[in-house]
Amino acid sequence: MSKLPTNGGGAIVRAIADVIVENRAYLSEVDGKIGDGDHGNNMAKGFARAKERISDDASLGEAMHIVADVLMGEIGGSMGPLYGMFFDDMASAADNREYLDKQAVGDMLEAGCQGVMAIGEAKPGDKTLLDTLVPAIEAFRACDQDLHEALKALKHGAEKGRDATTDMVAKVGRSSRLGERSRGVPDAGATSCCMILTAFADGAARRLV
């Protein structure tokens, strides 16, 4: 049965940072259609700073804690605390573990999701990052094959969740003031969450033993 070594997981987190930085302009463009347009800049700033402090050979938990500290303490906007808690709670679930099997990876993702919901007011269906995160985790859990296949399911679930936000009406945050006018555009947080989960799944899949 495949499993994910936590040692050297810093390389996975650095790859996540690269994806966010590379998509800075796109994320801000998406956000600008129904939000204030700073999502890409804030996220890229945070992840770029975090990457500078993470080595490839850092443990997965250590690297995620660093991301969390930067996002919660050094960037503006509403997403910093949400993603900060996401990574911090995932990190705590991975701490002191040499390997993560399929159950443990699912538990780690679930811990991150619960962290987001604990400090935010959103729920699935409100057109937020949860509309990517929740179906992605559900798809991962529902996969009855090994971890490698479950990571593929995670990506597929994330993409479906992201795309589903296009037809949703925003219920929380700045875009909620637009009401029906928020329909027809994907949510920026759901979009960045899909990028994060996809990069995590790809990075993890390359390191399975």
N, C-alpha and C. Protein backbone atom coordinates (compact mmCIF):
# COMPACT_ATOMS: atom_id res chain seq x y z
N MET A 1 0.85 -1.20 0.00
CA MET A 1 0.00 0.00 0.00
C MET A 1 0.88 1.25 0.00
N SER A 2 0.61 2.18 -0.89
CA SER A 2 1.44 3.38 -1.00
C SER A 2 1.24 4.30 0.20
N LYS A 3 2.30 5.04 0.52
CA LYS A 3 2.24 6.00 1.62
C LYS A 3 3.18 7.16 1.30
N LEU A 4 2.94 8.27 1.99
CA LEU A 4 3.68 9.50 1.73
C LEU A 4 4.68 9.77 2.85
N PRO A 5 5.99 9.80 2.55
CA PRO A 5 6.97 10.17 3.57
C PRO A 5 6.81 11.66 3.91
N THR A 6 6.87 12.01 5.18
CA THR A 6 6.76 13.42 5.55
C THR A 6 8.11 14.12 5.44
N ASN A 7 9.21 13.39 5.65
CA ASN A 7 10.53 14.00 5.50
C ASN A 7 10.74 14.40 4.04
N GLY A 8 11.22 15.61 3.83
CA GLY A 8 11.39 16.11 2.47
C GLY A 8 10.13 16.69 1.88
N GLY A 9 9.09 16.77 2.70
CA GLY A 9 7.83 17.33 2.21
C GLY A 9 7.90 18.81 1.91
N GLY A 10 8.99 19.45 2.34
CA GLY A 10 9.17 20.85 2.00
C GLY A 10 9.14 21.10 0.51
N ALA A 11 9.61 20.13 -0.27
CA ALA A 11 9.60 20.27 -1.72
C ALA A 11 8.18 20.37 -2.26
N ILE A 12 7.25 19.66 -1.64
CA ILE A 12 5.84 19.74 -2.05
C ILE A 12 5.29 21.13 -1.80
N VAL A 13 5.58 21.66 -0.63
CA VAL A 13 5.04 22.97 -0.26
C VAL A 13 5.68 24.07 -1.11
N ARG A 14 6.95 23.94 -1.43
CA ARG A 14 7.61 24.91 -2.30
C ARG A 14 6.98 24.89 -3.70
N ALA A 15 6.59 23.70 -4.17
CA ALA A 15 5.94 23.60 -5.47
C ALA A 15 4.56 24.26 -5.44
N ILE A 16 3.86 24.12 -4.33
CA ILE A 16 2.57 24.81 -4.17
C ILE A 16 2.78 26.32 -4.27
N ALA A 17 3.81 26.80 -3.59
CA ALA A 17 4.11 28.23 -3.63
C ALA A 17 4.39 28.70 -5.06
N ASP A 18 5.12 27.91 -5.81
CA ASP A 18 5.43 28.27 -7.20
C ASP A 18 4.16 28.44 -8.03
N VAL A 19 3.21 27.54 -7.84
CA VAL A 19 1.96 27.61 -8.60
C VAL A 19 1.19 28.88 -8.28
N ILE A 20 1.12 29.23 -7.01
CA ILE A 20 0.40 30.44 -6.63
C ILE A 20 1.09 31.69 -7.18
N VAL A 21 2.40 31.73 -7.06
CA VAL A 21 3.14 32.89 -7.58
C VAL A 21 2.97 33.01 -9.09
N GLU A 22 3.05 31.89 -9.78
CA GLU A 22 2.91 31.90 -11.25
C GLU A 22 1.52 32.37 -11.69
N ASN A 23 0.53 32.16 -10.84
CA ASN A 23 -0.85 32.52 -11.20
C ASN A 23 -1.34 33.78 -10.50
N ARG A 24 -0.39 34.60 -10.04
CA ARG A 24 -0.73 35.84 -9.35
C ARG A 24 -1.72 36.70 -10.16
N ALA A 25 -1.38 36.96 -11.41
CA ALA A 25 -2.21 37.85 -12.23
C ALA A 25 -3.58 37.23 -12.50
N TYR A 26 -3.60 35.93 -12.77
CA TYR A 26 -4.88 35.28 -13.07
C TYR A 26 -5.81 35.30 -11.86
N LEU A 27 -5.28 35.01 -10.68
CA LEU A 27 -6.11 35.00 -9.47
C LEU A 27 -6.65 36.40 -9.17
N SER A 28 -5.84 37.41 -9.38
CA SER A 28 -6.32 38.77 -9.17
C SER A 28 -7.36 39.16 -10.21
N GLU A 29 -7.19 38.68 -11.44
CA GLU A 29 -8.17 38.95 -12.49
C GLU A 29 -9.52 38.32 -12.13
N VAL A 30 -9.50 37.08 -11.69
CA VAL A 30 -10.75 36.41 -11.28
C VAL A 30 -11.38 37.15 -10.12
N ASP A 31 -10.57 37.51 -9.14
CA ASP A 31 -11.09 38.20 -7.96
C ASP A 31 -11.65 39.57 -8.33
N GLY A 32 -11.04 40.23 -9.28
CA GLY A 32 -11.47 41.57 -9.66
C GLY A 32 -12.85 41.62 -10.28
N LYS A 33 -13.35 40.51 -10.76
CA LYS A 33 -14.66 40.50 -11.42
C LYS A 33 -15.81 40.66 -10.43
N ILE A 34 -15.62 40.14 -9.21
CA ILE A 34 -16.69 40.29 -8.21
C ILE A 34 -16.14 40.66 -6.83
N GLY A 35 -14.81 40.82 -6.73
CA GLY A 35 -14.20 41.17 -5.45
C GLY A 35 -13.34 42.41 -5.59
N ASP A 36 -12.35 42.53 -4.71
CA ASP A 36 -11.53 43.73 -4.75
C ASP A 36 -10.25 43.56 -5.56
N GLY A 37 -10.03 42.38 -6.11
CA GLY A 37 -8.94 42.18 -7.06
C GLY A 37 -7.56 42.00 -6.47
N ASP A 38 -7.47 41.75 -5.17
CA ASP A 38 -6.14 41.64 -4.55
C ASP A 38 -5.77 40.21 -4.15
N HIS A 39 -6.62 39.26 -4.48
CA HIS A 39 -6.39 37.89 -4.02
C HIS A 39 -5.07 37.33 -4.53
N GLY A 40 -4.81 37.49 -5.80
CA GLY A 40 -3.58 36.96 -6.37
C GLY A 40 -2.35 37.61 -5.78
N ASN A 41 -2.38 38.92 -5.64
CA ASN A 41 -1.21 39.63 -5.10
C ASN A 41 -0.94 39.23 -3.66
N ASN A 42 -1.98 39.17 -2.84
CA ASN A 42 -1.79 38.80 -1.44
C ASN A 42 -1.29 37.36 -1.29
N MET A 43 -1.91 36.47 -2.03
CA MET A 43 -1.51 35.07 -1.94
C MET A 43 -0.09 34.87 -2.43
N ALA A 44 0.24 35.49 -3.56
CA ALA A 44 1.59 35.34 -4.11
C ALA A 44 2.63 35.92 -3.16
N LYS A 45 2.33 37.05 -2.56
CA LYS A 45 3.26 37.66 -1.61
C LYS A 45 3.53 36.71 -0.44
N GLY A 46 2.47 36.14 0.11
CA GLY A 46 2.62 35.24 1.24
C GLY A 46 3.39 33.97 0.90
N PHE A 47 3.02 33.35 -0.20
CA PHE A 47 3.67 32.09 -0.56
C PHE A 47 5.11 32.30 -0.99
N ALA A 48 5.39 33.42 -1.64
CA ALA A 48 6.78 33.71 -2.02
C ALA A 48 7.65 33.89 -0.78
N ARG A 49 7.14 34.60 0.20
CA ARG A 49 7.90 34.79 1.44
C ARG A 49 8.11 33.46 2.16
N ALA A 50 7.06 32.65 2.18
CA ALA A 50 7.17 31.36 2.87
C ALA A 50 8.19 30.46 2.18
N LYS A 51 8.18 30.46 0.85
CA LYS A 51 9.10 29.60 0.11
C LYS A 51 10.55 29.93 0.45
N GLU A 52 10.84 31.20 0.65
CA GLU A 52 12.21 31.61 0.98
C GLU A 52 12.69 30.99 2.29
N ARG A 53 11.75 30.61 3.16
CA ARG A 53 12.09 30.10 4.49
C ARG A 53 11.97 28.58 4.59
N ILE A 54 11.63 27.95 3.49
CA ILE A 54 11.42 26.50 3.48
C ILE A 54 12.49 25.83 2.61
N SER A 55 13.12 24.81 3.13
CA SER A 55 14.06 24.03 2.34
C SER A 55 13.35 22.80 1.79
N ASP A 56 13.87 22.25 0.71
CA ASP A 56 13.27 21.06 0.12
C ASP A 56 13.25 19.89 1.10
N ASP A 57 14.25 19.83 1.97
CA ASP A 57 14.33 18.68 2.88
C ASP A 57 13.60 18.90 4.20
N ALA A 58 12.89 20.01 4.34
CA ALA A 58 12.06 20.21 5.54
C ALA A 58 10.95 19.17 5.57
N SER A 59 10.47 18.86 6.74
CA SER A 59 9.34 17.93 6.84
C SER A 59 8.08 18.62 6.35
N LEU A 60 7.09 17.82 5.98
CA LEU A 60 5.83 18.36 5.49
C LEU A 60 5.18 19.25 6.55
N GLY A 61 5.15 18.78 7.79
CA GLY A 61 4.55 19.57 8.85
C GLY A 61 5.28 20.87 9.09
N GLU A 62 6.60 20.81 9.13
CA GLU A 62 7.40 22.01 9.34
C GLU A 62 7.14 23.04 8.25
N ALA A 63 7.14 22.59 7.01
CA ALA A 63 6.92 23.51 5.89
C ALA A 63 5.53 24.13 5.94
N MET A 64 4.53 23.34 6.27
CA MET A 64 3.17 23.87 6.34
C MET A 64 3.01 24.85 7.49
N HIS A 65 3.67 24.61 8.61
CA HIS A 65 3.63 25.56 9.72
C HIS A 65 4.22 26.91 9.30
N ILE A 66 5.29 26.88 8.51
CA ILE A 66 5.90 28.12 8.05
C ILE A 66 4.94 28.90 7.16
N VAL A 67 4.29 28.20 6.23
CA VAL A 67 3.30 28.84 5.38
C VAL A 67 2.20 29.48 6.23
N ALA A 68 1.73 28.73 7.20
CA ALA A 68 0.66 29.23 8.07
C ALA A 68 1.09 30.49 8.80
N ASP A 69 2.29 30.50 9.34
CA ASP A 69 2.77 31.66 10.08
C ASP A 69 2.83 32.90 9.19
N VAL A 70 3.31 32.72 7.97
CA VAL A 70 3.41 33.85 7.05
C VAL A 70 2.02 34.34 6.64
N LEU A 71 1.15 33.43 6.27
CA LEU A 71 -0.18 33.83 5.80
C LEU A 71 -0.98 34.51 6.90
N MET A 72 -0.84 34.05 8.12
CA MET A 72 -1.61 34.64 9.21
C MET A 72 -0.99 35.93 9.74
N GLY A 73 0.32 36.07 9.59
CA GLY A 73 0.98 37.20 10.22
C GLY A 73 1.50 38.28 9.31
N GLU A 74 1.58 37.99 7.99
CA GLU A 74 2.30 38.93 7.14
C GLU A 74 1.57 39.38 5.88
N ILE A 75 0.37 38.87 5.62
CA ILE A 75 -0.34 39.35 4.43
C ILE A 75 -1.70 39.88 4.84
N GLY A 76 -2.23 40.75 4.00
CA GLY A 76 -3.53 41.33 4.28
C GLY A 76 -4.66 40.53 3.66
N GLY A 77 -5.84 41.09 3.75
CA GLY A 77 -7.01 40.44 3.16
C GLY A 77 -7.61 39.39 4.08
N SER A 78 -8.75 38.92 3.66
CA SER A 78 -9.47 37.94 4.47
C SER A 78 -8.94 36.53 4.33
N MET A 79 -8.22 36.26 3.24
CA MET A 79 -7.82 34.90 2.96
C MET A 79 -6.61 34.46 3.77
N GLY A 80 -5.79 35.39 4.23
CA GLY A 80 -4.61 35.03 4.99
C GLY A 80 -4.93 34.16 6.20
N PRO A 81 -5.83 34.62 7.08
CA PRO A 81 -6.18 33.80 8.24
C PRO A 81 -6.83 32.46 7.87
N LEU A 82 -7.67 32.46 6.84
CA LEU A 82 -8.34 31.22 6.45
C LEU A 82 -7.35 30.18 5.94
N TYR A 83 -6.51 30.58 5.00
CA TYR A 83 -5.51 29.64 4.50
C TYR A 83 -4.45 29.36 5.55
N GLY A 84 -4.16 30.34 6.38
CA GLY A 84 -3.20 30.11 7.46
C GLY A 84 -3.68 29.01 8.39
N MET A 85 -4.94 29.06 8.77
CA MET A 85 -5.48 28.02 9.64
C MET A 85 -5.54 26.68 8.92
N PHE A 86 -5.86 26.72 7.63
CA PHE A 86 -5.89 25.50 6.82
C PHE A 86 -4.54 24.79 6.88
N PHE A 87 -3.48 25.52 6.62
CA PHE A 87 -2.15 24.90 6.62
C PHE A 87 -1.68 24.56 8.03
N ASP A 88 -2.02 25.36 9.00
CA ASP A 88 -1.57 25.08 10.37
C ASP A 88 -2.21 23.81 10.90
N ASP A 89 -3.49 23.63 10.66
CA ASP A 89 -4.16 22.44 11.15
C ASP A 89 -3.74 21.19 10.37
N MET A 90 -3.46 21.34 9.10
CA MET A 90 -2.90 20.21 8.35
C MET A 90 -1.52 19.86 8.89
N ALA A 91 -0.72 20.88 9.15
CA ALA A 91 0.62 20.64 9.68
C ALA A 91 0.58 19.88 11.00
N SER A 92 -0.32 20.28 11.87
CA SER A 92 -0.43 19.63 13.17
C SER A 92 -0.81 18.16 13.02
N ALA A 93 -1.63 17.87 12.01
CA ALA A 93 -2.03 16.49 11.77
C ALA A 93 -0.88 15.65 11.23
N ALA A 94 0.09 16.31 10.59
CA ALA A 94 1.23 15.59 10.01
C ALA A 94 2.44 15.55 10.93
N ASP A 95 2.46 16.40 11.95
CA ASP A 95 3.60 16.47 12.86
C ASP A 95 3.90 15.12 13.49
N ASN A 96 5.18 14.85 13.66
CA ASN A 96 5.65 13.65 14.37
C ASN A 96 5.25 12.35 13.70
N ARG A 97 4.98 12.40 12.41
CA ARG A 97 4.66 11.18 11.67
C ARG A 97 5.69 11.02 10.57
N GLU A 98 6.23 9.82 10.45
CA GLU A 98 7.24 9.57 9.42
C GLU A 98 6.60 9.32 8.07
N TYR A 99 5.44 8.69 8.07
CA TYR A 99 4.72 8.41 6.84
C TYR A 99 3.24 8.70 7.05
N LEU A 100 2.58 9.05 5.95
CA LEU A 100 1.13 9.24 5.95
C LEU A 100 0.51 8.26 4.97
N ASP A 101 -0.35 7.39 5.47
CA ASP A 101 -1.07 6.50 4.57
C ASP A 101 -2.32 7.22 4.07
N LYS A 102 -3.14 6.52 3.32
CA LYS A 102 -4.32 7.16 2.73
C LYS A 102 -5.23 7.75 3.80
N GLN A 103 -5.46 7.00 4.87
CA GLN A 103 -6.32 7.49 5.95
C GLN A 103 -5.73 8.75 6.58
N ALA A 104 -4.43 8.74 6.80
CA ALA A 104 -3.78 9.88 7.44
C ALA A 104 -3.78 11.12 6.56
N VAL A 105 -3.61 10.94 5.26
CA VAL A 105 -3.68 12.09 4.35
C VAL A 105 -5.10 12.67 4.36
N GLY A 106 -6.09 11.80 4.33
CA GLY A 106 -7.47 12.26 4.41
C GLY A 106 -7.74 13.00 5.70
N ASP A 107 -7.22 12.46 6.80
CA ASP A 107 -7.40 13.12 8.10
C ASP A 107 -6.72 14.49 8.12
N MET A 108 -5.56 14.58 7.50
CA MET A 108 -4.83 15.85 7.44
C MET A 108 -5.65 16.89 6.66
N LEU A 109 -6.16 16.51 5.51
CA LEU A 109 -6.97 17.42 4.71
C LEU A 109 -8.24 17.83 5.46
N GLU A 110 -8.84 16.87 6.13
CA GLU A 110 -10.05 17.16 6.89
C GLU A 110 -9.78 18.12 8.03
N ALA A 111 -8.63 17.96 8.69
CA ALA A 111 -8.26 18.87 9.77
C ALA A 111 -8.14 20.29 9.24
N GLY A 112 -7.53 20.43 8.06
CA GLY A 112 -7.41 21.75 7.46
C GLY A 112 -8.77 22.35 7.13
N CYS A 113 -9.66 21.54 6.61
CA CYS A 113 -11.00 22.01 6.28
C CYS A 113 -11.75 22.46 7.53
N GLN A 114 -11.65 21.68 8.59
CA GLN A 114 -12.31 22.04 9.84
C GLN A 114 -11.74 23.34 10.41
N GLY A 115 -10.45 23.55 10.21
CA GLY A 115 -9.83 24.79 10.66
C GLY A 115 -10.41 26.00 9.95
N VAL A 116 -10.61 25.87 8.64
CA VAL A 116 -11.21 26.95 7.86
C VAL A 116 -12.62 27.25 8.35
N MET A 117 -13.40 26.21 8.55
CA MET A 117 -14.79 26.41 8.96
C MET A 117 -14.89 26.95 10.39
N ALA A 118 -13.89 26.66 11.21
CA ALA A 118 -13.93 27.10 12.60
C ALA A 118 -13.77 28.61 12.73
N ILE A 119 -13.01 29.22 11.82
CA ILE A 119 -12.78 30.66 11.97
C ILE A 119 -13.56 31.50 10.96
N GLY A 120 -14.16 30.87 9.97
CA GLY A 120 -14.94 31.59 8.97
C GLY A 120 -16.42 31.38 9.18
N GLU A 121 -17.21 32.16 8.47
CA GLU A 121 -18.66 32.05 8.60
C GLU A 121 -19.28 31.30 7.43
N ALA A 122 -18.46 30.90 6.48
CA ALA A 122 -18.98 30.28 5.27
C ALA A 122 -19.28 28.80 5.47
N LYS A 123 -20.13 28.31 4.62
CA LYS A 123 -20.43 26.88 4.54
C LYS A 123 -20.50 26.50 3.07
N PRO A 124 -20.42 25.21 2.76
CA PRO A 124 -20.51 24.81 1.36
C PRO A 124 -21.78 25.37 0.70
N GLY A 125 -21.62 25.87 -0.51
CA GLY A 125 -22.73 26.47 -1.22
C GLY A 125 -22.73 27.99 -1.18
N ASP A 126 -21.82 28.56 -0.38
CA ASP A 126 -21.75 30.02 -0.24
C ASP A 126 -20.81 30.68 -1.24
N LYS A 127 -20.24 29.90 -2.15
CA LYS A 127 -19.31 30.40 -3.18
C LYS A 127 -18.01 30.88 -2.54
N THR A 128 -17.31 29.93 -1.91
CA THR A 128 -16.03 30.21 -1.27
C THR A 128 -15.07 29.05 -1.54
N LEU A 129 -13.90 29.11 -0.95
CA LEU A 129 -12.92 28.03 -1.10
C LEU A 129 -13.46 26.70 -0.60
N LEU A 130 -14.43 26.73 0.32
CA LEU A 130 -15.01 25.48 0.83
C LEU A 130 -15.70 24.70 -0.28
N ASP A 131 -16.16 25.39 -1.30
CA ASP A 131 -16.84 24.71 -2.40
C ASP A 131 -15.88 23.96 -3.30
N THR A 132 -14.60 24.21 -3.15
CA THR A 132 -13.57 23.36 -3.74
C THR A 132 -13.10 22.33 -2.74
N LEU A 133 -12.83 22.77 -1.52
CA LEU A 133 -12.21 21.91 -0.52
C LEU A 133 -13.08 20.74 -0.09
N VAL A 134 -14.33 21.00 0.18
CA VAL A 134 -15.22 19.94 0.68
C VAL A 134 -15.43 18.83 -0.35
N PRO A 135 -15.82 19.15 -1.59
CA PRO A 135 -15.99 18.06 -2.57
C PRO A 135 -14.69 17.35 -2.91
N ALA A 136 -13.57 18.06 -2.83
CA ALA A 136 -12.28 17.42 -3.10
C ALA A 136 -11.99 16.36 -2.04
N ILE A 137 -12.21 16.71 -0.78
CA ILE A 137 -11.98 15.74 0.30
C ILE A 137 -12.98 14.60 0.21
N GLU A 138 -14.21 14.90 -0.12
CA GLU A 138 -15.21 13.84 -0.28
C GLU A 138 -14.80 12.87 -1.38
N ALA A 139 -14.28 13.38 -2.49
CA ALA A 139 -13.85 12.52 -3.58
C ALA A 139 -12.66 11.67 -3.16
N PHE A 140 -11.75 12.27 -2.40
CA PHE A 140 -10.59 11.55 -1.89
C PHE A 140 -11.04 10.40 -0.99
N ARG A 141 -11.93 10.69 -0.06
CA ARG A 141 -12.43 9.68 0.88
C ARG A 141 -13.19 8.57 0.16
N ALA A 142 -13.93 8.95 -0.88
CA ALA A 142 -14.79 7.98 -1.57
C ALA A 142 -14.00 7.02 -2.45
N CYS A 143 -12.77 7.38 -2.81
CA CYS A 143 -11.95 6.52 -3.66
C CYS A 143 -11.58 5.25 -2.91
N ASP A 144 -11.94 4.11 -3.45
CA ASP A 144 -11.68 2.84 -2.77
C ASP A 144 -10.39 2.17 -3.24
N GLN A 145 -9.54 2.97 -3.92
CA GLN A 145 -8.27 2.43 -4.38
C GLN A 145 -7.14 2.98 -3.51
N ASP A 146 -5.90 2.86 -3.97
CA ASP A 146 -4.77 3.25 -3.13
C ASP A 146 -4.59 4.77 -3.11
N LEU A 147 -3.58 5.21 -2.36
CA LEU A 147 -3.36 6.64 -2.16
C LEU A 147 -3.10 7.35 -3.48
N HIS A 148 -2.38 6.72 -4.38
CA HIS A 148 -2.09 7.33 -5.67
C HIS A 148 -3.37 7.68 -6.42
N GLU A 149 -4.31 6.76 -6.44
CA GLU A 149 -5.58 6.99 -7.13
C GLU A 149 -6.44 7.99 -6.36
N ALA A 150 -6.35 7.95 -5.03
CA ALA A 150 -7.12 8.89 -4.21
C ALA A 150 -6.65 10.32 -4.44
N LEU A 151 -5.36 10.50 -4.67
CA LEU A 151 -4.85 11.84 -4.97
C LEU A 151 -5.38 12.34 -6.31
N LYS A 152 -5.53 11.44 -7.27
CA LYS A 152 -6.15 11.82 -8.54
C LYS A 152 -7.60 12.24 -8.31
N ALA A 153 -8.29 11.50 -7.46
CA ALA A 153 -9.68 11.83 -7.15
C ALA A 153 -9.78 13.19 -6.45
N LEU A 154 -8.80 13.48 -5.61
CA LEU A 154 -8.76 14.78 -4.93
C LEU A 154 -8.72 15.91 -5.96
N LYS A 155 -7.86 15.76 -6.95
CA LYS A 155 -7.73 16.78 -7.99
C LYS A 155 -9.04 16.92 -8.78
N HIS A 156 -9.62 15.80 -9.14
CA HIS A 156 -10.86 15.83 -9.92
C HIS A 156 -11.98 16.50 -9.12
N GLY A 157 -12.07 16.15 -7.84
CA GLY A 157 -13.10 16.75 -6.99
C GLY A 157 -12.89 18.24 -6.83
N ALA A 158 -11.62 18.65 -6.73
CA ALA A 158 -11.31 20.07 -6.58
C ALA A 158 -11.72 20.84 -7.84
N GLU A 159 -11.44 20.27 -9.00
CA GLU A 159 -11.78 20.94 -10.25
C GLU A 159 -13.30 21.07 -10.41
N LYS A 160 -14.02 20.02 -10.08
CA LYS A 160 -15.48 20.07 -10.18
C LYS A 160 -16.04 21.10 -9.21
N GLY A 161 -15.48 21.14 -8.00
CA GLY A 161 -15.95 22.10 -7.01
C GLY A 161 -15.68 23.53 -7.45
N ARG A 162 -14.47 23.77 -7.95
CA ARG A 162 -14.14 25.11 -8.46
C ARG A 162 -15.10 25.55 -9.55
N ASP A 163 -15.32 24.66 -10.51
CA ASP A 163 -16.18 25.01 -11.64
C ASP A 163 -17.62 25.24 -11.20
N ALA A 164 -18.06 24.53 -10.17
CA ALA A 164 -19.44 24.68 -9.69
C ALA A 164 -19.69 26.06 -9.11
N THR A 165 -18.65 26.73 -8.64
CA THR A 165 -18.87 28.06 -8.05
C THR A 165 -19.28 29.09 -9.09
N THR A 166 -19.05 28.81 -10.36
CA THR A 166 -19.42 29.77 -11.41
C THR A 166 -20.92 30.05 -11.39
N ASP A 167 -21.71 29.04 -11.10
CA ASP A 167 -23.17 29.21 -11.12
C ASP A 167 -23.75 29.51 -9.74
N MET A 168 -22.90 29.75 -8.76
CA MET A 168 -23.37 30.06 -7.40
C MET A 168 -23.50 31.57 -7.20
N VAL A 169 -24.33 31.93 -6.24
CA VAL A 169 -24.45 33.32 -5.79
C VAL A 169 -23.68 33.45 -4.49
N ALA A 170 -22.81 34.44 -4.42
CA ALA A 170 -21.98 34.63 -3.23
C ALA A 170 -22.85 34.98 -2.02
N LYS A 171 -22.59 34.31 -0.90
CA LYS A 171 -23.37 34.53 0.32
C LYS A 171 -22.57 35.24 1.40
N VAL A 172 -21.25 35.24 1.29
CA VAL A 172 -20.41 35.88 2.30
C VAL A 172 -19.33 36.72 1.62
N GLY A 173 -18.73 37.63 2.37
CA GLY A 173 -17.64 38.43 1.84
C GLY A 173 -18.10 39.58 0.97
N ARG A 174 -17.13 40.28 0.42
CA ARG A 174 -17.40 41.47 -0.38
C ARG A 174 -18.32 41.18 -1.56
N SER A 175 -18.10 40.06 -2.21
CA SER A 175 -18.89 39.74 -3.41
C SER A 175 -20.35 39.45 -3.10
N SER A 176 -20.67 39.17 -1.84
CA SER A 176 -22.07 38.87 -1.48
C SER A 176 -22.97 40.08 -1.69
N ARG A 177 -22.39 41.28 -1.69
CA ARG A 177 -23.18 42.49 -1.89
C ARG A 177 -23.71 42.59 -3.32
N LEU A 178 -23.13 41.82 -4.22
CA LEU A 178 -23.58 41.84 -5.61
C LEU A 178 -24.81 40.99 -5.85
N GLY A 179 -25.11 40.09 -4.92
CA GLY A 179 -26.27 39.23 -5.09
C GLY A 179 -26.18 38.42 -6.36
N GLU A 180 -27.24 38.43 -7.16
CA GLU A 180 -27.30 37.64 -8.39
C GLU A 180 -26.20 38.02 -9.39
N ARG A 181 -25.69 39.22 -9.27
CA ARG A 181 -24.63 39.65 -10.20
C ARG A 181 -23.32 38.90 -9.96
N SER A 182 -23.22 38.20 -8.83
CA SER A 182 -22.01 37.41 -8.58
C SER A 182 -22.04 36.07 -9.31
N ARG A 183 -23.20 35.74 -9.87
CA ARG A 183 -23.32 34.50 -10.63
C ARG A 183 -22.63 34.66 -11.99
N GLY A 184 -22.01 33.57 -12.48
CA GLY A 184 -21.39 33.61 -13.79
C GLY A 184 -19.88 33.76 -13.75
N VAL A 185 -19.33 33.90 -12.55
CA VAL A 185 -17.89 34.05 -12.37
C VAL A 185 -17.43 33.06 -11.30
N PRO A 186 -16.35 32.33 -11.52
CA PRO A 186 -15.86 31.43 -10.47
C PRO A 186 -15.33 32.22 -9.29
N ASP A 187 -15.38 31.62 -8.12
CA ASP A 187 -14.85 32.27 -6.92
C ASP A 187 -13.33 32.22 -6.90
N ALA A 188 -12.70 33.33 -6.52
CA ALA A 188 -11.24 33.38 -6.52
C ALA A 188 -10.64 32.44 -5.48
N GLY A 189 -11.24 32.37 -4.30
CA GLY A 189 -10.74 31.46 -3.27
C GLY A 189 -10.89 30.01 -3.69
N ALA A 190 -12.01 29.67 -4.31
CA ALA A 190 -12.19 28.31 -4.81
C ALA A 190 -11.17 27.99 -5.88
N THR A 191 -10.81 29.00 -6.68
CA THR A 191 -9.83 28.81 -7.74
C THR A 191 -8.43 28.59 -7.17
N SER A 192 -8.03 29.40 -6.20
CA SER A 192 -6.70 29.20 -5.59
C SER A 192 -6.65 27.91 -4.80
N CYS A 193 -7.76 27.53 -4.17
CA CYS A 193 -7.80 26.28 -3.43
C CYS A 193 -7.59 25.10 -4.36
N CYS A 194 -8.18 25.16 -5.55
CA CYS A 194 -8.00 24.09 -6.54
C CYS A 194 -6.53 24.01 -6.94
N MET A 195 -5.90 25.15 -7.13
CA MET A 195 -4.47 25.15 -7.46
C MET A 195 -3.64 24.52 -6.36
N ILE A 196 -3.94 24.87 -5.13
CA ILE A 196 -3.19 24.34 -3.98
C ILE A 196 -3.36 22.84 -3.86
N LEU A 197 -4.60 22.37 -3.95
CA LEU A 197 -4.85 20.94 -3.82
C LEU A 197 -4.25 20.15 -4.98
N THR A 198 -4.31 20.72 -6.18
CA THR A 198 -3.73 20.05 -7.35
C THR A 198 -2.21 19.94 -7.21
N ALA A 199 -1.58 21.04 -6.80
CA ALA A 199 -0.13 21.02 -6.63
C ALA A 199 0.28 20.07 -5.51
N PHE A 200 -0.51 20.04 -4.44
CA PHE A 200 -0.23 19.10 -3.36
C PHE A 200 -0.34 17.67 -3.86
N ALA A 201 -1.42 17.36 -4.57
CA ALA A 201 -1.64 16.00 -5.05
C ALA A 201 -0.53 15.57 -6.01
N ASP A 202 -0.14 16.46 -6.90
CA ASP A 202 0.92 16.13 -7.85
C ASP A 202 2.26 15.92 -7.13
N GLY A 203 2.56 16.81 -6.19
CA GLY A 203 3.81 16.68 -5.45
C GLY A 203 3.85 15.44 -4.58
N ALA A 204 2.74 15.15 -3.93
CA ALA A 204 2.66 13.96 -3.09
C ALA A 204 2.79 12.70 -3.91
N ALA A 205 2.12 12.67 -5.08
CA ALA A 205 2.15 11.48 -5.93
C ALA A 205 3.57 11.14 -6.37
N ARG A 206 4.38 12.14 -6.58
CA ARG A 206 5.75 11.90 -7.01
C ARG A 206 6.63 11.32 -5.89
N ARG A 207 6.16 11.44 -4.65
CA ARG A 207 6.99 11.03 -3.52
C ARG A 207 6.49 9.74 -2.83
N LEU A 208 5.45 9.18 -3.34
CA LEU A 208 4.89 7.98 -2.71
C LEU A 208 5.87 6.83 -2.73
N VAL A 209 5.85 6.06 -1.67
CA VAL A 209 6.70 4.87 -1.58
C VAL A 209 5.82 3.66 -1.29
